[in-house]
């Protein structure tokens, strides 16, 4: 038997489903925006008010308390040596540091990124 409370429950479930769908769609769109922004920033274009210079400053000054600069100098020194295995491992380690720093840089600037996303969304 179908009652009024069933109808209310169905309507409430439908509203909640639409709300979650909108939230999920926004989250997916924001994630796509961020991924595209990472590519944009890496080719030295501005993204959401952020520049590659700001990332570089963050990487060498703030990320891991500036120890990445020490590691880069060490890597450069190892390039002069003939130990290809050592150089490759150092390069892989440094690239991992850069990837982690890039992710943290985006997390730290999420308010700027979401503001730019919302501005683009409202302009569309």
Protein backbone atom coordinates (compact mmCIF):
# COMPACT_ATOMS: atom_id res chain seq x y z
CA UNK A 1 0.00 0.00 0.00
CA UNK A 2 1.27 3.44 -0.95
CA UNK A 3 0.90 6.15 1.69
CA UNK A 4 1.55 9.89 1.87
CA UNK A 5 4.68 9.25 3.95
CA UNK A 6 5.99 7.01 1.15
CA UNK A 7 5.47 9.87 -1.28
CA UNK A 8 7.26 12.28 1.07
CA UNK A 9 10.14 9.83 1.47
CA UNK A 10 10.43 9.34 -2.28
CA UNK A 11 10.46 13.10 -2.84
CA UNK A 12 13.05 13.59 -0.11
CA UNK A 13 15.22 10.86 -1.59
CA UNK A 14 14.91 12.40 -5.05
CA UNK A 15 15.92 15.86 -3.74
CA UNK A 16 18.88 14.38 -1.88
CA UNK A 17 19.94 12.43 -4.96
CA UNK A 18 19.83 15.60 -7.10
CA UNK A 19 21.80 17.49 -4.46
CA UNK A 20 24.44 14.77 -4.34
CA UNK A 21 24.52 14.61 -8.13
CA UNK A 22 25.13 18.36 -8.32
CA UNK A 23 27.82 18.13 -5.65
CA UNK A 24 29.48 15.19 -7.40
CA UNK A 25 29.31 16.98 -10.75
CA UNK A 26 30.86 20.12 -9.26
CA UNK A 27 33.61 18.08 -7.62
CA UNK A 28 34.38 16.26 -10.86
CA UNK A 29 34.43 19.54 -12.78
CA UNK A 30 36.72 21.11 -10.17
CA UNK A 31 39.08 18.13 -10.32
CA UNK A 32 39.21 18.40 -14.13
CA UNK A 33 39.85 22.14 -13.78
CA UNK A 34 42.74 21.45 -11.38
CA UNK A 35 44.29 18.78 -13.60
CA UNK A 36 44.14 21.11 -16.59
CA UNK A 37 45.59 23.86 -14.41
CA UNK A 38 48.56 21.72 -13.45
CA UNK A 39 49.36 21.19 -17.13
CA UNK A 40 48.91 24.90 -17.80
CA UNK A 41 51.21 25.89 -14.96
CA UNK A 42 53.91 23.44 -16.07
CA UNK A 43 54.09 25.10 -19.49
CA UNK A 44 54.74 28.41 -17.74
CA UNK A 45 51.28 29.87 -18.19
CA UNK A 46 49.31 31.44 -15.36
CA UNK A 47 46.57 29.40 -13.72
CA UNK A 48 44.07 30.82 -11.21
CA UNK A 49 46.48 33.64 -10.40
CA UNK A 50 49.33 31.18 -9.77
CA UNK A 51 52.59 31.12 -11.70
CA UNK A 52 55.46 28.70 -12.08
CA UNK A 53 57.67 31.29 -10.37
CA UNK A 54 55.47 31.13 -7.27
CA UNK A 55 55.76 27.34 -7.30
CA UNK A 56 59.54 27.53 -7.68
CA UNK A 57 59.79 29.94 -4.76
CA UNK A 58 57.60 27.64 -2.66
CA UNK A 59 59.66 24.61 -3.69
CA UNK A 60 63.04 26.05 -2.78
CA UNK A 61 62.05 28.19 0.21
CA UNK A 62 59.17 26.48 1.99
CA UNK A 63 58.81 22.86 0.89
CA UNK A 64 60.75 20.57 3.22
CA UNK A 65 62.32 23.65 4.82
CA UNK A 66 64.37 24.41 1.71
CA UNK A 67 66.21 21.08 1.69
CA UNK A 68 65.25 20.52 -1.94
CA UNK A 69 67.82 23.10 -3.00
CA UNK A 70 70.46 21.04 -1.19
CA UNK A 71 69.29 17.90 -2.97
CA UNK A 72 69.36 19.64 -6.36
CA UNK A 73 72.95 20.73 -5.80
CA UNK A 74 73.81 17.16 -4.79
CA UNK A 75 72.10 15.86 -7.92
CA UNK A 76 74.05 18.30 -10.08
CA UNK A 77 77.28 17.08 -8.49
CA UNK A 78 76.35 13.47 -9.16
CA UNK A 79 75.79 14.25 -12.83
CA UNK A 80 79.49 14.98 -13.09
CA UNK A 81 80.35 11.54 -11.76
CA UNK A 82 80.27 8.51 -14.02
CA UNK A 83 77.93 6.55 -11.76
CA UNK A 84 74.79 6.32 -13.92
CA UNK A 85 72.88 4.24 -11.35
CA UNK A 86 73.54 6.75 -8.60
CA UNK A 87 72.57 9.64 -10.88
CA UNK A 88 69.36 7.92 -12.00
CA UNK A 89 68.32 7.21 -8.40
CA UNK A 90 69.04 10.81 -7.40
CA UNK A 91 67.04 12.08 -10.36
CA UNK A 92 64.09 9.80 -9.52
CA UNK A 93 64.18 10.98 -5.90
CA UNK A 94 64.28 14.62 -6.94
CA UNK A 95 61.37 14.15 -9.34
CA UNK A 96 59.36 12.56 -6.53
CA UNK A 97 60.09 15.62 -4.36
CA UNK A 98 58.90 17.90 -7.15
CA UNK A 99 55.69 15.91 -7.62
CA UNK A 100 54.93 16.00 -3.90
CA UNK A 101 55.70 19.72 -3.70
CA UNK A 102 53.47 20.42 -6.70
CA UNK A 103 50.54 18.63 -5.05
CA UNK A 104 51.11 20.50 -1.76
CA UNK A 105 51.41 23.81 -3.62
CA UNK A 106 47.98 23.23 -5.15
CA UNK A 107 46.51 22.20 -1.79
CA UNK A 108 47.89 25.36 -0.16
CA UNK A 109 46.37 27.51 -2.90
CA UNK A 110 43.02 25.74 -3.10
CA UNK A 111 41.11 28.88 -2.11
CA UNK A 112 42.55 30.77 -5.12
CA UNK A 113 41.82 27.82 -7.38
CA UNK A 114 38.23 27.36 -6.25
CA UNK A 115 37.63 31.11 -6.53
CA UNK A 116 38.87 31.05 -10.14
CA UNK A 117 36.76 27.97 -10.82
CA UNK A 118 33.64 29.60 -9.38
CA UNK A 119 34.33 32.77 -11.38
CA UNK A 120 34.58 30.76 -14.60
CA UNK A 121 31.44 28.84 -13.68
CA UNK A 122 29.44 32.01 -13.09
CA UNK A 123 30.76 33.63 -16.28
CA UNK A 124 29.66 30.67 -18.38
